[in-house]
Amino acid sequence: MTYEQALAITKRAFEEELRRHNWDRVKAYEEMMLREDRDPQLREAFHVAGLHYVFATRH
């Protein structure tokens, strides 16, 4: 999975949760953490995007 694919997956999932929870970012974030446990593809996307962020901001 590339970074662009991972970012698209996480962005789409977060926007779905935002719409479900009437744009409440806290509830959407909490639901994303629960969804991560149930969806292996979303979990992998979080890891790929997170690793990219960590290594891209490393000094």
PDB file of N, CA and C in Angstrom:
ATOM      1  N   MET A   1       0.852  -1.167   0.000  1.00  0.00           N
ATOM      2  CA  MET A   1       0.000   0.000   0.000  1.00  0.00           C
ATOM      3  C   MET A   1       0.905   1.240   0.000  1.00  0.00           C
ATOM      4  N   THR A   2       0.610   2.172  -0.888  1.00  0.00           N
ATOM      5  CA  THR A   2       1.394   3.401  -0.947  1.00  0.00           C
ATOM      6  C   THR A   2       0.825   4.419   0.031  1.00  0.00           C
ATOM      7  N   TYR A   3       1.592   5.466   0.258  1.00  0.00           N
ATOM      8  CA  TYR A   3       1.143   6.530   1.149  1.00  0.00           C
ATOM      9  C   TYR A   3      -0.128   7.185   0.611  1.00  0.00           C
ATOM     10  N   GLU A   4      -0.192   7.411  -0.699  1.00  0.00           N
ATOM     11  CA  GLU A   4      -1.367   8.054  -1.295  1.00  0.00           C
ATOM     12  C   GLU A   4      -2.615   7.198  -1.111  1.00  0.00           C
ATOM     13  N   GLN A   5      -2.483   5.886  -1.280  1.00  0.00           N
ATOM     14  CA  GLN A   5      -3.614   4.988  -1.071  1.00  0.00           C
ATOM     15  C   GLN A   5      -4.048   5.001   0.395  1.00  0.00           C
ATOM     16  N   ALA A   6      -3.085   4.945   1.292  1.00  0.00           N
ATOM     17  CA  ALA A   6      -3.391   4.949   2.724  1.00  0.00           C
ATOM     18  C   ALA A   6      -4.086   6.244   3.121  1.00  0.00           C
ATOM     19  N   LEU A   7      -3.599   7.351   2.606  1.00  0.00           N
ATOM     20  CA  LEU A   7      -4.203   8.646   2.924  1.00  0.00           C
ATOM     21  C   LEU A   7      -5.631   8.719   2.405  1.00  0.00           C
ATOM     22  N   ALA A   8      -5.870   8.198   1.211  1.00  0.00           N
ATOM     23  CA  ALA A   8      -7.221   8.216   0.643  1.00  0.00           C
ATOM     24  C   ALA A   8      -8.180   7.365   1.477  1.00  0.00           C
ATOM     25  N   ILE A   9      -7.718   6.201   1.920  1.00  0.00           N
ATOM     26  CA  ILE A   9      -8.558   5.315   2.731  1.00  0.00           C
ATOM     27  C   ILE A   9      -8.909   5.974   4.058  1.00  0.00           C
ATOM     28  N   THR A  10      -7.920   6.532   4.740  1.00  0.00           N
ATOM     29  CA  THR A  10      -8.183   7.145   6.048  1.00  0.00           C
ATOM     30  C   THR A  10      -9.030   8.400   5.909  1.00  0.00           C
ATOM     31  N   LYS A  11      -8.774   9.178   4.874  1.00  0.00           N
ATOM     32  CA  LYS A  11      -9.553  10.406   4.668  1.00  0.00           C
ATOM     33  C   LYS A  11     -11.015  10.073   4.390  1.00  0.00           C
ATOM     34  N   ARG A  12     -11.253   9.079   3.524  1.00  0.00           N
ATOM     35  CA  ARG A  12     -12.623   8.683   3.197  1.00  0.00           C
ATOM     36  C   ARG A  12     -13.348   8.163   4.444  1.00  0.00           C
ATOM     37  N   ALA A  13     -12.672   7.344   5.236  1.00  0.00           N
ATOM     38  CA  ALA A  13     -13.289   6.790   6.446  1.00  0.00           C
ATOM     39  C   ALA A  13     -13.594   7.891   7.460  1.00  0.00           C
ATOM     40  N   PHE A  14     -12.681   8.842   7.624  1.00  0.00           N
ATOM     41  CA  PHE A  14     -12.911   9.919   8.588  1.00  0.00           C
ATOM     42  C   PHE A  14     -14.055  10.818   8.135  1.00  0.00           C
ATOM     43  N   GLU A  15     -14.135  11.104   6.839  1.00  0.00           N
ATOM     44  CA  GLU A  15     -15.234  11.933   6.335  1.00  0.00           C
ATOM     45  C   GLU A  15     -16.581  11.230   6.504  1.00  0.00           C
ATOM     46  N   GLU A  16     -16.607   9.912   6.327  1.00  0.00           N
ATOM     47  CA  GLU A  16     -17.837   9.150   6.565  1.00  0.00           C
ATOM     48  C   GLU A  16     -18.275   9.293   8.011  1.00  0.00           C
ATOM     49  N   GLU A  17     -17.329   9.167   8.935  1.00  0.00           N
ATOM     50  CA  GLU A  17     -17.657   9.286  10.358  1.00  0.00           C
ATOM     51  C   GLU A  17     -18.071  10.713  10.722  1.00  0.00           C
ATOM     52  N   LEU A  18     -17.448  11.694  10.117  1.00  0.00           N
ATOM     53  CA  LEU A  18     -17.846  13.082  10.368  1.00  0.00           C
ATOM     54  C   LEU A  18     -19.306  13.303   9.958  1.00  0.00           C
ATOM     55  N   ARG A  19     -19.672  12.798   8.797  1.00  0.00           N
ATOM     56  CA  ARG A  19     -21.063  12.951   8.345  1.00  0.00           C
ATOM     57  C   ARG A  19     -22.029  12.200   9.260  1.00  0.00           C
ATOM     58  N   ARG A  20     -21.627  11.010   9.703  1.00  0.00           N
ATOM     59  CA  ARG A  20     -22.497  10.227  10.601  1.00  0.00           C
ATOM     60  C   ARG A  20     -22.712  10.912  11.943  1.00  0.00           C
ATOM     61  N   HIS A  21     -21.719  11.646  12.408  1.00  0.00           N
ATOM     62  CA  HIS A  21     -21.790  12.265  13.740  1.00  0.00           C
ATOM     63  C   HIS A  21     -21.980  13.778  13.656  1.00  0.00           C
ATOM     64  N   ASN A  22     -22.579  14.249  12.564  1.00  0.00           N
ATOM     65  CA  ASN A  22     -22.911  15.675  12.409  1.00  0.00           C
ATOM     66  C   ASN A  22     -21.712  16.583  12.607  1.00  0.00           C
ATOM     67  N   TRP A  23     -20.593  16.206  12.025  1.00  0.00           N
ATOM     68  CA  TRP A  23     -19.361  16.999  11.996  1.00  0.00           C
ATOM     69  C   TRP A  23     -18.731  17.191  13.373  1.00  0.00           C
ATOM     70  N   ASP A  24     -19.049  16.318  14.321  1.00  0.00           N
ATOM     71  CA  ASP A  24     -18.404  16.332  15.639  1.00  0.00           C
ATOM     72  C   ASP A  24     -17.093  15.562  15.525  1.00  0.00           C
ATOM     73  N   ARG A  25     -15.975  16.284  15.520  1.00  0.00           N
ATOM     74  CA  ARG A  25     -14.670  15.677  15.272  1.00  0.00           C
ATOM     75  C   ARG A  25     -14.257  14.708  16.377  1.00  0.00           C
ATOM     76  N   VAL A  26     -14.642  14.982  17.606  1.00  0.00           N
ATOM     77  CA  VAL A  26     -14.273  14.100  18.717  1.00  0.00           C
ATOM     78  C   VAL A  26     -14.966  12.746  18.582  1.00  0.00           C
ATOM     79  N   LYS A  27     -16.263  12.770  18.312  1.00  0.00           N
ATOM     80  CA  LYS A  27     -16.996  11.513  18.142  1.00  0.00           C
ATOM     81  C   LYS A  27     -16.482  10.752  16.920  1.00  0.00           C
ATOM     82  N   ALA A  28     -16.192  11.479  15.859  1.00  0.00           N
ATOM     83  CA  ALA A  28     -15.681  10.837  14.649  1.00  0.00           C
ATOM     84  C   ALA A  28     -14.331  10.188  14.925  1.00  0.00           C
ATOM     85  N   TYR A  29     -13.464  10.862  15.666  1.00  0.00           N
ATOM     86  CA  TYR A  29     -12.153  10.306  16.007  1.00  0.00           C
ATOM     87  C   TYR A  29     -12.308   9.040  16.845  1.00  0.00           C
ATOM     88  N   GLU A  30     -13.190   9.085  17.840  1.00  0.00           N
ATOM     89  CA  GLU A  30     -13.413   7.910  18.677  1.00  0.00           C
ATOM     90  C   GLU A  30     -13.929   6.738  17.843  1.00  0.00           C
ATOM     91  N   GLU A  31     -14.842   7.021  16.931  1.00  0.00           N
ATOM     92  CA  GLU A  31     -15.379   5.963  16.082  1.00  0.00           C
ATOM     93  C   GLU A  31     -14.298   5.406  15.157  1.00  0.00           C
ATOM     94  N   MET A  32     -13.389   6.257  14.699  1.00  0.00           N
ATOM     95  CA  MET A  32     -12.289   5.794  13.851  1.00  0.00           C
ATOM     96  C   MET A  32     -11.401   4.815  14.605  1.00  0.00           C
ATOM     97  N   MET A  33     -11.158   5.079  15.875  1.00  0.00           N
ATOM     98  CA  MET A  33     -10.336   4.170  16.665  1.00  0.00           C
ATOM     99  C   MET A  33     -11.032   2.818  16.830  1.00  0.00           C
ATOM    100  N   LEU A  34     -12.354   2.825  16.977  1.00  0.00           N
ATOM    101  CA  LEU A  34     -13.098   1.573  17.071  1.00  0.00           C
ATOM    102  C   LEU A  34     -13.109   0.850  15.728  1.00  0.00           C
ATOM    103  N   ARG A  35     -13.258   1.607  14.650  1.00  0.00           N
ATOM    104  CA  ARG A  35     -13.264   1.018  13.309  1.00  0.00           C
ATOM    105  C   ARG A  35     -11.923   0.397  12.964  1.00  0.00           C
ATOM    106  N   GLU A  36     -10.865   0.996  13.471  1.00  0.00           N
ATOM    107  CA  GLU A  36      -9.524   0.476  13.199  1.00  0.00           C
ATOM    108  C   GLU A  36      -9.391  -0.958  13.699  1.00  0.00           C
ATOM    109  N   ASP A  37     -10.022  -1.252  14.837  1.00  0.00           N
ATOM    110  CA  ASP A  37      -9.964  -2.613  15.396  1.00  0.00           C
ATOM    111  C   ASP A  37     -10.717  -3.625  14.535  1.00  0.00           C
ATOM    112  N   ARG A  38     -11.759  -3.175  13.845  1.00  0.00           N
ATOM    113  CA  ARG A  38     -12.594  -4.088  13.060  1.00  0.00           C
ATOM    114  C   ARG A  38     -12.164  -4.208  11.605  1.00  0.00           C
ATOM    115  N   ASP A  39     -11.429  -3.228  11.097  1.00  0.00           N
ATOM    116  CA  ASP A  39     -11.108  -3.181   9.665  1.00  0.00           C
ATOM    117  C   ASP A  39      -9.595  -3.270   9.454  1.00  0.00           C
ATOM    118  N   PRO A  40      -9.083  -4.420   9.018  1.00  0.00           N
ATOM    119  CA  PRO A  40      -7.637  -4.576   8.850  1.00  0.00           C
ATOM    120  C   PRO A  40      -7.045  -3.633   7.799  1.00  0.00           C
ATOM    121  N   GLN A  41      -7.810  -3.320   6.748  1.00  0.00           N
ATOM    122  CA  GLN A  41      -7.297  -2.414   5.716  1.00  0.00           C
ATOM    123  C   GLN A  41      -7.131  -0.999   6.283  1.00  0.00           C
ATOM    124  N   LEU A  42      -8.081  -0.567   7.087  1.00  0.00           N
ATOM    125  CA  LEU A  42      -7.981   0.758   7.721  1.00  0.00           C
ATOM    126  C   LEU A  42      -6.817   0.781   8.703  1.00  0.00           C
ATOM    127  N   ARG A  43      -6.624  -0.297   9.441  1.00  0.00           N
ATOM    128  CA  ARG A  43      -5.504  -0.381  10.384  1.00  0.00           C
ATOM    129  C   ARG A  43      -4.178  -0.246   9.644  1.00  0.00           C
ATOM    130  N   GLU A  44      -4.047  -0.971   8.529  1.00  0.00           N
ATOM    131  CA  GLU A  44      -2.815  -0.883   7.747  1.00  0.00           C
ATOM    132  C   GLU A  44      -2.621   0.528   7.185  1.00  0.00           C
ATOM    133  N   ALA A  45      -3.700   1.150   6.745  1.00  0.00           N
ATOM    134  CA  ALA A  45      -3.613   2.506   6.212  1.00  0.00           C
ATOM    135  C   ALA A  45      -3.145   3.484   7.289  1.00  0.00           C
ATOM    136  N   PHE A  46      -3.645   3.327   8.511  1.00  0.00           N
ATOM    137  CA  PHE A  46      -3.188   4.176   9.616  1.00  0.00           C
ATOM    138  C   PHE A  46      -1.688   4.002   9.847  1.00  0.00           C
ATOM    139  N   HIS A  47      -1.224   2.768   9.811  1.00  0.00           N
ATOM    140  CA  HIS A  47       0.197   2.498  10.039  1.00  0.00           C
ATOM    141  C   HIS A  47       1.059   3.106   8.946  1.00  0.00           C
ATOM    142  N   VAL A  48       0.648   2.930   7.693  1.00  0.00           N
ATOM    143  CA  VAL A  48       1.428   3.463   6.576  1.00  0.00           C
ATOM    144  C   VAL A  48       1.472   4.988   6.632  1.00  0.00           C
ATOM    145  N   ALA A  49       0.321   5.611   6.844  1.00  0.00           N
ATOM    146  CA  ALA A  49       0.276   7.079   6.907  1.00  0.00           C
ATOM    147  C   ALA A  49       1.059   7.583   8.119  1.00  0.00           C
ATOM    148  N   GLY A  50       0.952   6.883   9.233  1.00  0.00           N
ATOM    149  CA  GLY A  50       1.673   7.289  10.435  1.00  0.00           C
ATOM    150  C   GLY A  50       3.178   7.167  10.281  1.00  0.00           C
ATOM    151  N   LEU A  51       3.636   6.076   9.688  1.00  0.00           N
ATOM    152  CA  LEU A  51       5.072   5.903   9.469  1.00  0.00           C
ATOM    153  C   LEU A  51       5.609   6.950   8.510  1.00  0.00           C
ATOM    154  N   HIS A  52       4.840   7.264   7.493  1.00  0.00           N
ATOM    155  CA  HIS A  52       5.265   8.294   6.543  1.00  0.00           C
ATOM    156  C   HIS A  52       5.425   9.633   7.260  1.00  0.00           C
ATOM    157  N   TYR A  53       4.463   9.951   8.119  1.00  0.00           N
ATOM    158  CA  TYR A  53       4.514  11.206   8.862  1.00  0.00           C
ATOM    159  C   TYR A  53       5.724  11.233   9.792  1.00  0.00           C
ATOM    160  N   VAL A  54       5.970  10.155  10.504  1.00  0.00           N
ATOM    161  CA  VAL A  54       7.082  10.095  11.451  1.00  0.00           C
ATOM    162  C   VAL A  54       8.414  10.270  10.741  1.00  0.00           C
ATOM    163  N   PHE A  55       8.614   9.547   9.651  1.00  0.00           N
ATOM    164  CA  PHE A  55       9.899   9.640   8.962  1.00  0.00           C
ATOM    165  C   PHE A  55      10.037  10.923   8.157  1.00  0.00           C
ATOM    166  N   ALA A  56       8.938  11.499   7.712  1.00  0.00           N
ATOM    167  CA  ALA A  56       8.997  12.746   6.938  1.00  0.00           C
ATOM    168  C   ALA A  56       9.321  13.928   7.833  1.00  0.00           C
ATOM    169  N   THR A  57       8.961  13.864   9.112  1.00  0.00           N
ATOM    170  CA  THR A  57       9.208  14.992  10.013  1.00  0.00           C
ATOM    171  C   THR A  57      10.430  14.795  10.886  1.00  0.00           C
ATOM    172  N   ARG A  58      11.154  13.714  10.663  1.00  0.00           N
ATOM    173  CA  ARG A  58      12.344  13.423  11.457  1.00  0.00           C
ATOM    174  C   ARG A  58      13.470  14.364  11.058  1.00  0.00           C
ATOM    175  N   HIS A  59      14.208  14.837  12.026  1.00  0.00           N
ATOM    176  CA  HIS A  59      15.320  15.769  11.744  1.00  0.00           C
ATOM    177  C   HIS A  59      16.647  15.061  11.809  1.00  0.00           C
TER     178      HIS A  59
END
